[in-house]
Amino acid sequence: MNTINKPLIKLNVGCGRNILKGWINLDVQNLPGADIVFDLEQCASAGLPFKNDSIDEFLLSHVLEHIRNLLPLMQELYRVAKPGAVCVVRSPFGSSDDAWEDPTHLRSLFVDSFVYFGQPAYWRADYGYRGDWQTERILLVLSKNAFAEKSKEEILFAVRHFRNVVVEMTAVLRAVKPARSSDKTLQTPPAIEIKLI
């Protein structure tokens, strides 16, 4: 039997000018290198131009903080994600000036924000969201000058209590298909990693 390896289908969501070779580059603007022009705010009424279970990997680099309605977007990404697809989300950390200095930023994100993209978070209320992303890990990038001699516990305390500690946050999510039930006991915390630069 001859096995043919299909190439991974990777979607660079909200690519802007960061055009990636080997990826499908999608943006709201018809910029040079963009393969698909689509307004992510339309996810509640118009689906992404992809079949169900068709995308292996997603990159959203500094995108979510610009989106007014996150749940329709994350649900639509879930629809087109293959089971086990990986979604990498980079964003400014909510308590940093970077999160709010840009007038196009509409929201801030924190370590615990990503749990709301998974079904187990909805054990208290049903908002109609049907996506299910498990947050596997979160990488927090901090300044080496300020935190080189600190323990992980001291760093996490500073992250949760002080401003302008985190330079950038990256969350790695995985599509869980079929979706889990809305059950608090199914929630599992992500691994938190610290990187000093």
N, C-alpha and C. Protein backbone atom coordinates (compact mmCIF):
# COMPACT_ATOMS: atom_id res chain seq x y z
N MET A 1 0.84 -1.18 0.00
CA MET A 1 0.00 0.00 0.00
C MET A 1 0.89 1.24 0.00
N ASN A 2 0.55 2.19 -0.82
CA ASN A 2 1.33 3.41 -0.94
C ASN A 2 0.68 4.51 -0.10
N THR A 3 1.41 5.04 0.87
CA THR A 3 0.89 6.10 1.73
C THR A 3 1.41 7.44 1.22
N ILE A 4 0.48 8.36 1.02
CA ILE A 4 0.85 9.70 0.56
C ILE A 4 0.70 10.65 1.74
N ASN A 5 1.77 11.36 2.06
CA ASN A 5 1.72 12.35 3.13
C ASN A 5 1.21 13.67 2.57
N LYS A 6 0.07 14.09 3.08
CA LYS A 6 -0.48 15.38 2.66
C LYS A 6 0.22 16.48 3.44
N PRO A 7 0.47 17.62 2.79
CA PRO A 7 1.07 18.73 3.53
C PRO A 7 0.09 19.28 4.55
N LEU A 8 0.62 19.80 5.64
CA LEU A 8 -0.21 20.42 6.65
C LEU A 8 -0.82 21.69 6.08
N ILE A 9 -2.08 21.94 6.42
CA ILE A 9 -2.73 23.17 6.01
C ILE A 9 -2.69 24.12 7.20
N LYS A 10 -1.95 25.23 7.01
CA LYS A 10 -1.71 26.17 8.10
C LYS A 10 -2.29 27.53 7.74
N LEU A 11 -2.99 28.14 8.70
CA LEU A 11 -3.69 29.39 8.46
C LEU A 11 -3.11 30.49 9.35
N ASN A 12 -2.58 31.52 8.71
CA ASN A 12 -2.04 32.70 9.39
C ASN A 12 -3.17 33.72 9.46
N VAL A 13 -3.86 33.76 10.59
CA VAL A 13 -5.09 34.54 10.76
C VAL A 13 -4.74 35.98 11.15
N GLY A 14 -5.24 36.94 10.38
CA GLY A 14 -4.93 38.34 10.65
C GLY A 14 -3.46 38.61 10.39
N CYS A 15 -2.99 38.16 9.23
CA CYS A 15 -1.55 38.16 8.93
C CYS A 15 -0.95 39.55 8.86
N GLY A 16 -1.73 40.56 8.45
CA GLY A 16 -1.15 41.88 8.27
C GLY A 16 -0.01 41.81 7.26
N ARG A 17 1.11 42.38 7.60
CA ARG A 17 2.28 42.35 6.71
C ARG A 17 3.21 41.17 7.01
N ASN A 18 2.83 40.34 7.99
CA ASN A 18 3.63 39.16 8.35
C ASN A 18 3.21 37.97 7.49
N ILE A 19 3.60 38.00 6.22
CA ILE A 19 3.24 36.94 5.26
C ILE A 19 4.17 35.75 5.47
N LEU A 20 3.59 34.58 5.69
CA LEU A 20 4.38 33.37 5.94
C LEU A 20 4.31 32.43 4.75
N LYS A 21 5.46 32.02 4.28
CA LYS A 21 5.54 31.06 3.17
C LYS A 21 5.06 29.70 3.66
N GLY A 22 4.26 29.03 2.83
CA GLY A 22 3.73 27.73 3.19
C GLY A 22 2.46 27.80 4.02
N TRP A 23 2.01 28.99 4.33
CA TRP A 23 0.77 29.20 5.09
C TRP A 23 -0.25 29.88 4.18
N ILE A 24 -1.53 29.73 4.54
CA ILE A 24 -2.58 30.53 3.92
C ILE A 24 -2.66 31.81 4.76
N ASN A 25 -2.40 32.93 4.14
CA ASN A 25 -2.35 34.22 4.83
C ASN A 25 -3.68 34.94 4.65
N LEU A 26 -4.38 35.18 5.76
CA LEU A 26 -5.71 35.77 5.76
C LEU A 26 -5.69 37.10 6.51
N ASP A 27 -6.29 38.12 5.92
CA ASP A 27 -6.36 39.42 6.60
C ASP A 27 -7.60 40.18 6.14
N VAL A 28 -8.00 41.16 6.93
CA VAL A 28 -9.13 42.00 6.57
C VAL A 28 -8.76 42.97 5.44
N GLN A 29 -7.48 43.30 5.31
CA GLN A 29 -7.00 44.20 4.28
C GLN A 29 -6.44 43.40 3.11
N ASN A 30 -6.60 43.92 1.92
CA ASN A 30 -6.05 43.28 0.73
C ASN A 30 -4.59 43.72 0.56
N LEU A 31 -3.76 43.21 1.46
CA LEU A 31 -2.34 43.58 1.48
C LEU A 31 -1.55 42.67 0.56
N PRO A 32 -0.39 43.12 0.09
CA PRO A 32 0.46 42.25 -0.73
C PRO A 32 0.79 40.96 0.02
N GLY A 33 0.54 39.82 -0.63
CA GLY A 33 0.83 38.52 -0.03
C GLY A 33 -0.35 37.88 0.67
N ALA A 34 -1.41 38.64 0.94
CA ALA A 34 -2.59 38.05 1.57
C ALA A 34 -3.29 37.14 0.55
N ASP A 35 -3.55 35.91 0.94
CA ASP A 35 -4.22 34.95 0.06
C ASP A 35 -5.74 35.09 0.10
N ILE A 36 -6.26 35.44 1.28
CA ILE A 36 -7.70 35.56 1.48
C ILE A 36 -7.99 36.84 2.23
N VAL A 37 -8.97 37.61 1.75
CA VAL A 37 -9.42 38.81 2.44
C VAL A 37 -10.74 38.47 3.11
N PHE A 38 -10.76 38.59 4.44
CA PHE A 38 -11.95 38.23 5.22
C PHE A 38 -11.95 39.04 6.51
N ASP A 39 -13.11 39.58 6.86
CA ASP A 39 -13.28 40.34 8.09
C ASP A 39 -13.63 39.39 9.22
N LEU A 40 -12.74 39.22 10.17
CA LEU A 40 -12.95 38.29 11.28
C LEU A 40 -14.14 38.68 12.15
N GLU A 41 -14.55 39.93 12.11
CA GLU A 41 -15.73 40.36 12.87
C GLU A 41 -17.02 39.77 12.28
N GLN A 42 -16.94 39.22 11.08
CA GLN A 42 -18.12 38.65 10.42
C GLN A 42 -18.32 37.18 10.74
N CYS A 43 -17.51 36.60 11.61
CA CYS A 43 -17.60 35.16 11.88
C CYS A 43 -18.96 34.74 12.44
N ALA A 44 -19.66 35.64 13.11
CA ALA A 44 -20.98 35.29 13.66
C ALA A 44 -22.02 35.14 12.56
N SER A 45 -21.82 35.81 11.43
CA SER A 45 -22.83 35.76 10.37
C SER A 45 -22.34 35.11 9.08
N ALA A 46 -21.04 35.11 8.85
CA ALA A 46 -20.48 34.53 7.63
C ALA A 46 -19.31 33.64 8.01
N GLY A 47 -19.35 32.41 7.60
CA GLY A 47 -18.29 31.48 7.97
C GLY A 47 -17.01 31.71 7.20
N LEU A 48 -15.90 31.30 7.83
CA LEU A 48 -14.62 31.33 7.13
C LEU A 48 -14.72 30.47 5.87
N PRO A 49 -14.00 30.83 4.82
CA PRO A 49 -14.11 30.11 3.54
C PRO A 49 -13.30 28.80 3.52
N PHE A 50 -13.57 27.95 4.52
CA PHE A 50 -12.90 26.66 4.62
C PHE A 50 -13.92 25.60 5.02
N LYS A 51 -13.65 24.36 4.63
CA LYS A 51 -14.52 23.25 5.00
C LYS A 51 -14.32 22.90 6.47
N ASN A 52 -15.30 22.23 7.04
CA ASN A 52 -15.17 21.69 8.39
C ASN A 52 -13.94 20.80 8.46
N ASP A 53 -13.25 20.82 9.60
CA ASP A 53 -12.14 19.90 9.88
C ASP A 53 -11.07 19.91 8.79
N SER A 54 -10.66 21.09 8.34
CA SER A 54 -9.73 21.16 7.21
C SER A 54 -8.37 21.79 7.54
N ILE A 55 -8.24 22.46 8.68
CA ILE A 55 -7.00 23.19 8.99
C ILE A 55 -6.24 22.47 10.11
N ASP A 56 -4.92 22.31 9.91
CA ASP A 56 -4.07 21.63 10.88
C ASP A 56 -3.50 22.56 11.94
N GLU A 57 -3.22 23.80 11.55
CA GLU A 57 -2.51 24.71 12.46
C GLU A 57 -2.95 26.15 12.19
N PHE A 58 -3.03 26.93 13.27
CA PHE A 58 -3.42 28.33 13.19
C PHE A 58 -2.38 29.19 13.90
N LEU A 59 -2.13 30.37 13.36
CA LEU A 59 -1.33 31.38 14.05
C LEU A 59 -2.16 32.65 14.09
N LEU A 60 -2.33 33.20 15.29
CA LEU A 60 -2.98 34.49 15.48
C LEU A 60 -2.00 35.35 16.27
N SER A 61 -1.20 36.12 15.57
CA SER A 61 -0.16 36.93 16.20
C SER A 61 -0.66 38.37 16.34
N HIS A 62 -0.95 38.75 17.57
CA HIS A 62 -1.45 40.08 17.89
C HIS A 62 -2.71 40.39 17.10
N VAL A 63 -3.68 39.49 17.23
CA VAL A 63 -4.97 39.59 16.53
C VAL A 63 -6.12 39.72 17.52
N LEU A 64 -6.19 38.84 18.52
CA LEU A 64 -7.37 38.76 19.38
C LEU A 64 -7.70 40.06 20.10
N GLU A 65 -6.68 40.84 20.44
CA GLU A 65 -6.95 42.09 21.15
C GLU A 65 -7.66 43.11 20.26
N HIS A 66 -7.71 42.85 18.95
CA HIS A 66 -8.38 43.76 18.00
C HIS A 66 -9.82 43.33 17.69
N ILE A 67 -10.25 42.18 18.19
CA ILE A 67 -11.55 41.60 17.81
C ILE A 67 -12.61 41.92 18.86
N ARG A 68 -13.73 42.45 18.39
CA ARG A 68 -14.83 42.81 19.28
C ARG A 68 -15.53 41.57 19.83
N ASN A 69 -15.83 40.62 18.97
CA ASN A 69 -16.58 39.42 19.38
C ASN A 69 -15.70 38.18 19.22
N LEU A 70 -15.01 37.83 20.30
CA LEU A 70 -14.06 36.72 20.23
C LEU A 70 -14.71 35.35 20.10
N LEU A 71 -15.81 35.12 20.80
CA LEU A 71 -16.38 33.78 20.79
C LEU A 71 -16.82 33.32 19.40
N PRO A 72 -17.48 34.16 18.59
CA PRO A 72 -17.79 33.71 17.23
C PRO A 72 -16.55 33.37 16.41
N LEU A 73 -15.48 34.15 16.58
CA LEU A 73 -14.24 33.86 15.87
C LEU A 73 -13.66 32.53 16.32
N MET A 74 -13.55 32.32 17.63
CA MET A 74 -12.95 31.08 18.12
C MET A 74 -13.83 29.86 17.79
N GLN A 75 -15.13 30.05 17.74
CA GLN A 75 -16.02 28.95 17.35
C GLN A 75 -15.85 28.62 15.87
N GLU A 76 -15.67 29.63 15.06
CA GLU A 76 -15.48 29.40 13.62
C GLU A 76 -14.12 28.77 13.35
N LEU A 77 -13.08 29.18 14.05
CA LEU A 77 -11.78 28.52 13.92
C LEU A 77 -11.89 27.06 14.35
N TYR A 78 -12.67 26.81 15.38
CA TYR A 78 -12.89 25.43 15.85
C TYR A 78 -13.60 24.60 14.77
N ARG A 79 -14.57 25.19 14.12
CA ARG A 79 -15.30 24.46 13.07
C ARG A 79 -14.36 23.98 11.98
N VAL A 80 -13.43 24.84 11.56
CA VAL A 80 -12.55 24.48 10.44
C VAL A 80 -11.31 23.71 10.89
N ALA A 81 -11.09 23.62 12.20
CA ALA A 81 -9.92 22.91 12.73
C ALA A 81 -10.10 21.40 12.62
N LYS A 82 -9.03 20.73 12.23
CA LYS A 82 -9.02 19.27 12.31
C LYS A 82 -8.98 18.87 13.78
N PRO A 83 -9.46 17.69 14.13
CA PRO A 83 -9.31 17.24 15.52
C PRO A 83 -7.83 17.27 15.92
N GLY A 84 -7.54 17.90 17.04
CA GLY A 84 -6.17 18.00 17.51
C GLY A 84 -5.38 19.14 16.90
N ALA A 85 -6.00 19.96 16.06
CA ALA A 85 -5.30 21.09 15.45
C ALA A 85 -4.74 22.01 16.53
N VAL A 86 -3.61 22.63 16.23
CA VAL A 86 -2.95 23.53 17.17
C VAL A 86 -3.22 24.98 16.76
N CYS A 87 -3.49 25.81 17.76
CA CYS A 87 -3.72 27.24 17.54
C CYS A 87 -2.78 28.00 18.46
N VAL A 88 -1.87 28.77 17.87
CA VAL A 88 -0.92 29.57 18.63
C VAL A 88 -1.39 31.02 18.61
N VAL A 89 -1.57 31.59 19.80
CA VAL A 89 -2.07 32.95 19.95
C VAL A 89 -1.01 33.79 20.66
N ARG A 90 -0.55 34.84 20.02
CA ARG A 90 0.38 35.79 20.65
C ARG A 90 -0.38 37.09 20.90
N SER A 91 -0.11 37.68 22.06
CA SER A 91 -0.79 38.93 22.39
C SER A 91 -0.01 39.69 23.45
N PRO A 92 -0.31 40.99 23.59
CA PRO A 92 0.23 41.70 24.75
C PRO A 92 -0.48 41.18 26.00
N PHE A 93 0.18 41.26 27.12
CA PHE A 93 -0.43 40.84 28.38
C PHE A 93 -1.33 41.96 28.89
N GLY A 94 -2.47 41.59 29.45
CA GLY A 94 -3.50 42.55 29.81
C GLY A 94 -3.08 43.69 30.72
N SER A 95 -2.12 43.44 31.62
CA SER A 95 -1.72 44.49 32.55
C SER A 95 -0.48 45.25 32.08
N SER A 96 -0.21 45.19 30.79
CA SER A 96 0.91 45.95 30.24
C SER A 96 0.39 47.17 29.48
N ASP A 97 1.21 48.18 29.39
CA ASP A 97 0.82 49.36 28.61
C ASP A 97 0.57 48.99 27.15
N ASP A 98 1.32 47.99 26.64
CA ASP A 98 1.14 47.55 25.25
C ASP A 98 -0.28 47.08 24.97
N ALA A 99 -0.95 46.59 25.99
CA ALA A 99 -2.32 46.10 25.80
C ALA A 99 -3.29 47.22 25.47
N TRP A 100 -3.00 48.44 25.92
CA TRP A 100 -3.97 49.53 25.77
C TRP A 100 -3.47 50.76 25.05
N GLU A 101 -2.17 50.88 24.79
CA GLU A 101 -1.67 52.08 24.12
C GLU A 101 -2.18 52.20 22.68
N ASP A 102 -2.31 51.08 22.02
CA ASP A 102 -2.79 51.06 20.63
C ASP A 102 -4.30 51.32 20.64
N PRO A 103 -4.78 52.39 20.01
CA PRO A 103 -6.21 52.70 20.04
C PRO A 103 -7.08 51.69 19.31
N THR A 104 -6.47 50.77 18.54
CA THR A 104 -7.27 49.73 17.88
C THR A 104 -7.45 48.49 18.75
N HIS A 105 -6.82 48.46 19.93
CA HIS A 105 -7.02 47.33 20.84
C HIS A 105 -8.36 47.50 21.56
N LEU A 106 -9.15 46.44 21.54
CA LEU A 106 -10.49 46.48 22.11
C LEU A 106 -10.62 45.71 23.42
N ARG A 107 -9.61 44.91 23.75
CA ARG A 107 -9.69 44.07 24.94
C ARG A 107 -8.30 43.71 25.42
N SER A 108 -8.23 43.25 26.65
CA SER A 108 -6.97 42.74 27.18
C SER A 108 -7.14 41.26 27.50
N LEU A 109 -6.03 40.55 27.42
CA LEU A 109 -6.03 39.11 27.68
C LEU A 109 -5.04 38.79 28.79
N PHE A 110 -5.42 37.81 29.60
CA PHE A 110 -4.61 37.37 30.72
C PHE A 110 -4.41 35.84 30.62
N VAL A 111 -3.63 35.28 31.52
CA VAL A 111 -3.38 33.83 31.52
C VAL A 111 -4.68 33.05 31.54
N ASP A 112 -5.63 33.47 32.35
CA ASP A 112 -6.88 32.72 32.50
C ASP A 112 -7.94 33.05 31.46
N SER A 113 -7.66 33.96 30.54
CA SER A 113 -8.65 34.31 29.51
C SER A 113 -8.95 33.15 28.58
N PHE A 114 -7.96 32.32 28.29
CA PHE A 114 -8.08 31.30 27.26
C PHE A 114 -8.97 30.13 27.66
N VAL A 115 -9.20 29.96 28.96
CA VAL A 115 -10.06 28.86 29.41
C VAL A 115 -11.46 29.01 28.83
N TYR A 116 -11.88 30.24 28.52
CA TYR A 116 -13.23 30.50 28.02
C TYR A 116 -13.41 30.10 26.55
N PHE A 117 -12.36 29.59 25.93
CA PHE A 117 -12.49 29.05 24.57
C PHE A 117 -12.75 27.55 24.61
N GLY A 118 -12.87 26.96 25.82
CA GLY A 118 -13.17 25.54 25.98
C GLY A 118 -14.53 25.33 26.62
N GLN A 119 -15.22 24.28 26.24
CA GLN A 119 -16.55 24.01 26.76
C GLN A 119 -16.62 23.84 28.28
N PRO A 120 -15.63 23.23 28.94
CA PRO A 120 -15.76 23.05 30.40
C PRO A 120 -15.95 24.34 31.17
N ALA A 121 -15.58 25.50 30.61
CA ALA A 121 -15.74 26.78 31.31
C ALA A 121 -17.20 27.20 31.41
N TYR A 122 -18.08 26.58 30.66
CA TYR A 122 -19.48 27.04 30.61
C TYR A 122 -20.41 26.20 31.47
N TRP A 123 -19.90 25.70 32.58
CA TRP A 123 -20.73 24.92 33.50
C TRP A 123 -21.73 25.79 34.25
N ARG A 124 -21.47 27.10 34.35
CA ARG A 124 -22.39 28.01 35.04
C ARG A 124 -23.46 28.58 34.15
N ALA A 125 -23.13 28.87 32.91
CA ALA A 125 -24.06 29.53 32.00
C ALA A 125 -23.77 29.10 30.57
N ASP A 126 -24.77 29.19 29.72
CA ASP A 126 -24.64 28.82 28.31
C ASP A 126 -24.80 30.09 27.48
N TYR A 127 -23.69 30.52 26.85
CA TYR A 127 -23.73 31.71 26.00
C TYR A 127 -23.86 31.36 24.53
N GLY A 128 -24.12 30.09 24.23
CA GLY A 128 -24.29 29.68 22.85
C GLY A 128 -23.00 29.36 22.13
N TYR A 129 -21.87 29.43 22.83
CA TYR A 129 -20.56 29.14 22.24
C TYR A 129 -20.37 27.63 22.17
N ARG A 130 -19.93 27.12 21.00
CA ARG A 130 -19.80 25.67 20.83
C ARG A 130 -18.40 25.21 20.44
N GLY A 131 -17.41 26.09 20.53
CA GLY A 131 -16.03 25.67 20.28
C GLY A 131 -15.45 24.99 21.50
N ASP A 132 -14.38 24.24 21.32
CA ASP A 132 -13.72 23.60 22.46
C ASP A 132 -12.22 23.51 22.22
N TRP A 133 -11.52 24.49 22.75
CA TRP A 133 -10.06 24.56 22.67
C TRP A 133 -9.49 24.32 24.06
N GLN A 134 -8.59 23.37 24.17
CA GLN A 134 -7.88 23.13 25.42
C GLN A 134 -6.60 23.96 25.42
N THR A 135 -6.41 24.79 26.43
CA THR A 135 -5.17 25.56 26.55
C THR A 135 -4.11 24.64 27.12
N GLU A 136 -3.11 24.31 26.31
CA GLU A 136 -2.07 23.38 26.75
C GLU A 136 -0.96 24.07 27.51
N ARG A 137 -0.52 25.22 27.00
CA ARG A 137 0.55 25.93 27.71
C ARG A 137 0.49 27.41 27.38
N ILE A 138 1.05 28.18 28.29
CA ILE A 138 1.15 29.62 28.11
C ILE A 138 2.59 30.03 28.39
N LEU A 139 3.17 30.73 27.45
CA LEU A 139 4.53 31.23 27.58
C LEU A 139 4.47 32.72 27.88
N LEU A 140 5.10 33.12 28.98
CA LEU A 140 5.19 34.52 29.36
C LEU A 140 6.62 34.98 29.16
N VAL A 141 6.81 36.00 28.35
CA VAL A 141 8.14 36.55 28.09
C VAL A 141 8.32 37.78 28.97
N LEU A 142 9.43 37.78 29.74
CA LEU A 142 9.72 38.86 30.66
C LEU A 142 11.14 39.36 30.44
N SER A 143 11.43 40.52 31.00
CA SER A 143 12.77 41.11 30.89
C SER A 143 13.74 40.39 31.83
N LYS A 144 14.85 39.95 31.27
CA LYS A 144 15.89 39.29 32.06
C LYS A 144 16.45 40.23 33.12
N ASN A 145 16.58 41.50 32.79
CA ASN A 145 17.15 42.47 33.73
C ASN A 145 16.36 42.56 35.03
N ALA A 146 15.05 42.44 34.95
CA ALA A 146 14.22 42.59 36.14
C ALA A 146 14.00 41.28 36.90
N PHE A 147 14.11 40.14 36.22
CA PHE A 147 13.68 38.89 36.85
C PHE A 147 14.71 37.76 36.85
N ALA A 148 15.95 38.03 36.49
CA ALA A 148 16.97 36.99 36.37
C ALA A 148 17.19 36.23 37.68
N GLU A 149 17.09 36.89 38.81
CA GLU A 149 17.38 36.26 40.10
C GLU A 149 16.12 35.82 40.84
N LYS A 150 14.98 35.85 40.19
CA LYS A 150 13.71 35.54 40.86
C LYS A 150 13.30 34.10 40.61
N SER A 151 12.59 33.52 41.57
CA SER A 151 12.04 32.17 41.42
C SER A 151 10.78 32.24 40.55
N LYS A 152 10.33 31.10 40.08
CA LYS A 152 9.11 31.06 39.27
C LYS A 152 7.93 31.58 40.08
N GLU A 153 7.86 31.24 41.35
CA GLU A 153 6.76 31.69 42.20
C GLU A 153 6.78 33.21 42.34
N GLU A 154 7.97 33.80 42.52
CA GLU A 154 8.08 35.25 42.63
C GLU A 154 7.68 35.93 41.31
N ILE A 155 8.08 35.32 40.21
CA ILE A 155 7.73 35.88 38.91
C ILE A 155 6.22 35.83 38.69
N LEU A 156 5.59 34.70 38.98
CA LEU A 156 4.14 34.58 38.78
C LEU A 156 3.38 35.53 39.71
N PHE A 157 3.89 35.76 40.91
CA PHE A 157 3.27 36.75 41.80
C PHE A 157 3.32 38.13 41.15
N ALA A 158 4.48 38.50 40.61
CA ALA A 158 4.63 39.80 39.95
C ALA A 158 3.71 39.90 38.73
N VAL A 159 3.61 38.82 37.95
CA VAL A 159 2.74 38.81 36.77
C VAL A 159 1.30 39.10 37.16
N ARG A 160 0.84 38.52 38.24
CA ARG A 160 -0.57 38.66 38.64
C ARG A 160 -0.87 39.96 39.39
N HIS A 161 0.15 40.62 39.93
CA HIS A 161 -0.11 41.77 40.80
C HIS A 161 0.44 43.11 40.33
N PHE A 162 1.34 43.10 39.35
CA PHE A 162 1.97 44.35 38.94
C PHE A 162 1.79 44.60 37.45
N ARG A 163 1.97 45.86 37.08
CA ARG A 163 1.85 46.26 35.68
C ARG A 163 3.18 46.15 34.96
N ASN A 164 3.10 45.99 33.64
CA ASN A 164 4.27 46.02 32.75
C ASN A 164 5.35 45.01 33.12
N VAL A 165 4.92 43.83 33.53
CA VAL A 165 5.85 42.75 33.87
C VAL A 165 6.10 41.87 32.64
N VAL A 166 5.04 41.54 31.93
CA VAL A 166 5.13 40.61 30.79
C VAL A 166 5.33 41.39 29.50
N VAL A 167 6.34 41.02 28.73
CA VAL A 167 6.62 41.66 27.44
C VAL A 167 5.64 41.14 26.39
N GLU A 168 5.40 39.83 26.37
CA GLU A 168 4.46 39.22 25.42
C GLU A 168 3.98 37.89 25.98
N MET A 169 2.76 37.51 25.63
CA MET A 169 2.18 36.24 26.06
C MET A 169 1.86 35.40 24.82
N THR A 170 2.18 34.11 24.88
CA THR A 170 1.83 33.18 23.81
C THR A 170 1.07 32.01 24.42
N ALA A 171 -0.11 31.74 23.89
CA ALA A 171 -0.92 30.61 24.34
C ALA A 171 -0.95 29.57 23.23
N VAL A 172 -0.83 28.31 23.61
CA VAL A 172 -0.92 27.20 22.67
C VAL A 172 -2.19 26.41 23.02
N LEU A 173 -3.13 26.40 22.07
CA LEU A 173 -4.42 25.74 22.25
C LEU A 173 -4.51 24.54 21.31
N ARG A 174 -5.31 23.55 21.71
CA ARG A 174 -5.53 22.38 20.86
C ARG A 174 -7.03 22.14 20.73
N ALA A 175 -7.49 21.89 19.49
CA ALA A 175 -8.91 21.63 19.23
C ALA A 175 -9.30 20.26 19.77
N VAL A 176 -10.29 20.24 20.64
CA VAL A 176 -10.79 18.99 21.22
C VAL A 176 -12.06 18.61 20.47
N LYS A 177 -11.99 17.52 19.72
CA LYS A 177 -13.15 17.05 18.95
C LYS A 177 -13.32 15.55 19.17
N PRO A 178 -14.52 15.12 19.51
CA PRO A 178 -15.72 15.93 19.74
C PRO A 178 -15.55 16.81 20.97
N ALA A 179 -16.37 17.84 21.04
CA ALA A 179 -16.30 18.80 22.14
C ALA A 179 -16.64 18.12 23.46
N ARG A 180 -15.97 18.56 24.51
CA ARG A 180 -16.27 18.07 25.85
C ARG A 180 -17.58 18.69 26.34
N SER A 181 -18.10 18.15 27.41
CA SER A 181 -19.31 18.71 27.98
C SER A 181 -18.95 19.91 28.86
N SER A 182 -19.95 20.69 29.19
CA SER A 182 -19.77 21.87 30.05
C SER A 182 -19.71 21.41 31.49
N ASP A 183 -18.55 20.96 31.89
CA ASP A 183 -18.35 20.32 33.19
C ASP A 183 -17.07 20.86 33.81
N LYS A 184 -17.20 21.55 34.92
CA LYS A 184 -16.06 22.18 35.57
C LYS A 184 -14.94 21.19 35.88
N THR A 185 -15.28 19.95 36.17
CA THR A 185 -14.26 18.96 36.53
C THR A 185 -13.36 18.59 35.35
N LEU A 186 -13.77 18.96 34.13
CA LEU A 186 -12.96 18.67 32.95
C LEU A 186 -11.92 19.77 32.67
N GLN A 187 -11.98 20.86 33.42
CA GLN A 187 -11.02 21.94 33.23
C GLN A 187 -9.65 21.51 33.76
N THR A 188 -8.64 21.70 32.95
CA THR A 188 -7.27 21.43 33.39
C THR A 188 -6.43 22.67 33.13
N PRO A 189 -5.62 23.08 34.11
CA PRO A 189 -4.83 24.29 33.93
C PRO A 189 -3.70 24.06 32.93
N PRO A 190 -3.35 25.09 32.20
CA PRO A 190 -2.23 24.96 31.26
C PRO A 190 -0.89 25.01 32.00
N ALA A 191 0.11 24.48 31.36
CA ALA A 191 1.47 24.66 31.86
C ALA A 191 1.87 26.10 31.63
N ILE A 192 2.46 26.73 32.62
CA ILE A 192 2.92 28.12 32.50
C ILE A 192 4.44 28.09 32.37
N GLU A 193 4.95 28.66 31.30
CA GLU A 193 6.38 28.72 31.06
C GLU A 193 6.84 30.18 31.11
N ILE A 194 8.04 30.38 31.60
CA ILE A 194 8.61 31.72 31.70
C ILE A 194 9.84 31.77 30.80
N LYS A 195 9.95 32.81 30.00
CA LYS A 195 11.14 33.02 29.18
C LYS A 195 11.66 34.42 29.46
N LEU A 196 12.94 34.49 29.81
CA LEU A 196 13.57 35.79 30.09
C LEU A 196 14.41 36.21 28.90
N ILE A 197 14.20 37.44 28.43
CA ILE A 197 14.97 37.92 27.28
C ILE A 197 15.72 39.20 27.65
